[in-house]
């Protein structure tokens, strides 16, 4: 699950491929739409959890490039853009 830290967020499932070089990349795109009543916001961090609600927090951190969204804007991470890696 990928979790965005804002009141509009809903955790989404992310499917990963086989590990390569200690990292797993997402095999599908995942999108969120900003609530129509929202003034918009900038997404700066994300986290990976074990479940769609509650669950275990695995890891989180800052996005390489923050993404600014207006009301009804869509945040999409394309195939291969969400990467889980151990270092």
C-alpha atoms as a PDB file:
ATOM      1  CA  UNK A   1       0.000   0.000   0.000  1.00  0.00           C
ATOM      2  CA  UNK A   2       1.223   3.481  -0.758  1.00  0.00           C
ATOM      3  CA  UNK A   3       0.078   6.159   1.649  1.00  0.00           C
ATOM      4  CA  UNK A   4       0.049   9.895   0.944  1.00  0.00           C
ATOM      5  CA  UNK A   5      -0.051  12.149   3.974  1.00  0.00           C
ATOM      6  CA  UNK A   6      -3.078  14.389   3.386  1.00  0.00           C
ATOM      7  CA  UNK A   7      -6.729  14.366   4.410  1.00  0.00           C
ATOM      8  CA  UNK A   8      -7.728  13.388   0.830  1.00  0.00           C
ATOM      9  CA  UNK A   9      -5.598  10.297   0.647  1.00  0.00           C
ATOM     10  CA  UNK A  10      -6.781   6.750   0.288  1.00  0.00           C
ATOM     11  CA  UNK A  11      -4.190   3.994   0.368  1.00  0.00           C
ATOM     12  CA  UNK A  12      -3.835   2.157  -2.913  1.00  0.00           C
ATOM     13  CA  UNK A  13      -2.476  -1.284  -3.659  1.00  0.00           C
ATOM     14  CA  UNK A  14       0.769  -1.423  -5.581  1.00  0.00           C
ATOM     15  CA  UNK A  15       1.910  -4.597  -7.322  1.00  0.00           C
ATOM     16  CA  UNK A  16       5.631  -5.220  -7.546  1.00  0.00           C
ATOM     17  CA  UNK A  17       7.634  -7.352  -9.959  1.00  0.00           C
ATOM     18  CA  UNK A  18      10.513  -9.670  -9.161  1.00  0.00           C
ATOM     19  CA  UNK A  19      13.411  -8.160  -7.268  1.00  0.00           C
ATOM     20  CA  UNK A  20      16.426  -7.118  -9.298  1.00  0.00           C
ATOM     21  CA  UNK A  21      19.565  -5.750  -7.702  1.00  0.00           C
ATOM     22  CA  UNK A  22      17.846  -5.461  -4.308  1.00  0.00           C
ATOM     23  CA  UNK A  23      14.892  -3.424  -5.590  1.00  0.00           C
ATOM     24  CA  UNK A  24      11.321  -4.128  -6.705  1.00  0.00           C
ATOM     25  CA  UNK A  25       9.572  -1.769  -9.135  1.00  0.00           C
ATOM     26  CA  UNK A  26       5.813  -1.330  -9.490  1.00  0.00           C
ATOM     27  CA  UNK A  27       4.205  -3.209 -12.372  1.00  0.00           C
ATOM     28  CA  UNK A  28       1.165  -0.936 -12.775  1.00  0.00           C
ATOM     29  CA  UNK A  29       0.299   2.731 -12.581  1.00  0.00           C
ATOM     30  CA  UNK A  30      -1.435   4.019  -9.441  1.00  0.00           C
ATOM     31  CA  UNK A  31      -3.459   7.271  -9.264  1.00  0.00           C
ATOM     32  CA  UNK A  32      -5.204   9.524  -6.753  1.00  0.00           C
ATOM     33  CA  UNK A  33      -7.659  12.348  -7.527  1.00  0.00           C
ATOM     34  CA  UNK A  34      -7.756  15.425  -5.302  1.00  0.00           C
ATOM     35  CA  UNK A  35     -11.120  15.978  -3.613  1.00  0.00           C
ATOM     36  CA  UNK A  36     -13.261  18.527  -5.501  1.00  0.00           C
ATOM     37  CA  UNK A  37     -13.719  20.568  -2.310  1.00  0.00           C
ATOM     38  CA  UNK A  38      -9.997  20.807  -1.701  1.00  0.00           C
ATOM     39  CA  UNK A  39      -7.942  23.888  -2.485  1.00  0.00           C
ATOM     40  CA  UNK A  40      -5.223  21.486  -3.612  1.00  0.00           C
ATOM     41  CA  UNK A  41      -1.892  20.704  -2.029  1.00  0.00           C
ATOM     42  CA  UNK A  42       1.678  19.656  -2.625  1.00  0.00           C
ATOM     43  CA  UNK A  43       2.567  16.005  -2.084  1.00  0.00           C
ATOM     44  CA  UNK A  44       6.044  15.787  -0.583  1.00  0.00           C
ATOM     45  CA  UNK A  45       6.232  12.351   1.087  1.00  0.00           C
ATOM     46  CA  UNK A  46       4.922   8.806   0.668  1.00  0.00           C
ATOM     47  CA  UNK A  47       4.930   5.656   2.760  1.00  0.00           C
ATOM     48  CA  UNK A  48       4.489   1.949   2.228  1.00  0.00           C
ATOM     49  CA  UNK A  49       2.154   0.045   4.559  1.00  0.00           C
ATOM     50  CA  UNK A  50       1.048  -3.582   4.843  1.00  0.00           C
ATOM     51  CA  UNK A  51      -2.711  -2.870   4.675  1.00  0.00           C
ATOM     52  CA  UNK A  52      -5.281  -0.416   3.325  1.00  0.00           C
ATOM     53  CA  UNK A  53      -6.140   0.712   6.881  1.00  0.00           C
ATOM     54  CA  UNK A  54      -4.038   0.362  10.029  1.00  0.00           C
ATOM     55  CA  UNK A  55      -1.396  -2.251   9.216  1.00  0.00           C
ATOM     56  CA  UNK A  56       2.357  -2.062   9.614  1.00  0.00           C
ATOM     57  CA  UNK A  57       4.337   0.918   8.362  1.00  0.00           C
ATOM     58  CA  UNK A  58       7.337  -0.371   6.386  1.00  0.00           C
ATOM     59  CA  UNK A  59       9.079   2.704   5.056  1.00  0.00           C
ATOM     60  CA  UNK A  60       8.463   6.266   3.933  1.00  0.00           C
ATOM     61  CA  UNK A  61      10.286   9.295   2.737  1.00  0.00           C
ATOM     62  CA  UNK A  62      10.391  12.401   0.622  1.00  0.00           C
ATOM     63  CA  UNK A  63       9.528  12.289  -3.069  1.00  0.00           C
ATOM     64  CA  UNK A  64      12.442  13.188  -5.355  1.00  0.00           C
ATOM     65  CA  UNK A  65      10.214  15.879  -6.884  1.00  0.00           C
ATOM     66  CA  UNK A  66       7.242  17.232  -4.892  1.00  0.00           C
ATOM     67  CA  UNK A  67       4.010  17.285  -6.904  1.00  0.00           C
ATOM     68  CA  UNK A  68       1.589  20.210  -6.661  1.00  0.00           C
ATOM     69  CA  UNK A  69      -2.066  19.431  -7.359  1.00  0.00           C
ATOM     70  CA  UNK A  70      -5.179  21.598  -7.664  1.00  0.00           C
ATOM     71  CA  UNK A  71      -8.746  20.494  -6.874  1.00  0.00           C
ATOM     72  CA  UNK A  72      -9.633  17.496  -9.056  1.00  0.00           C
ATOM     73  CA  UNK A  73      -5.973  17.182 -10.042  1.00  0.00           C
ATOM     74  CA  UNK A  74      -4.669  13.651 -10.475  1.00  0.00           C
ATOM     75  CA  UNK A  75      -1.455  12.311  -8.984  1.00  0.00           C
ATOM     76  CA  UNK A  76      -0.211   9.312 -10.946  1.00  0.00           C
ATOM     77  CA  UNK A  77       2.853   7.194 -10.430  1.00  0.00           C
ATOM     78  CA  UNK A  78       3.553   5.377 -13.677  1.00  0.00           C
ATOM     79  CA  UNK A  79       4.726   1.773 -14.081  1.00  0.00           C
ATOM     80  CA  UNK A  80       8.141   1.371 -12.464  1.00  0.00           C
ATOM     81  CA  UNK A  81       7.960   4.710 -10.644  1.00  0.00           C
ATOM     82  CA  UNK A  82       7.255   3.226  -7.186  1.00  0.00           C
ATOM     83  CA  UNK A  83      10.358   1.324  -6.121  1.00  0.00           C
ATOM     84  CA  UNK A  84      10.900  -0.627  -2.904  1.00  0.00           C
ATOM     85  CA  UNK A  85      14.602  -1.147  -2.215  1.00  0.00           C
ATOM     86  CA  UNK A  86      16.814  -2.259   0.615  1.00  0.00           C
ATOM     87  CA  UNK A  87      20.181  -0.662   1.020  1.00  0.00           C
END
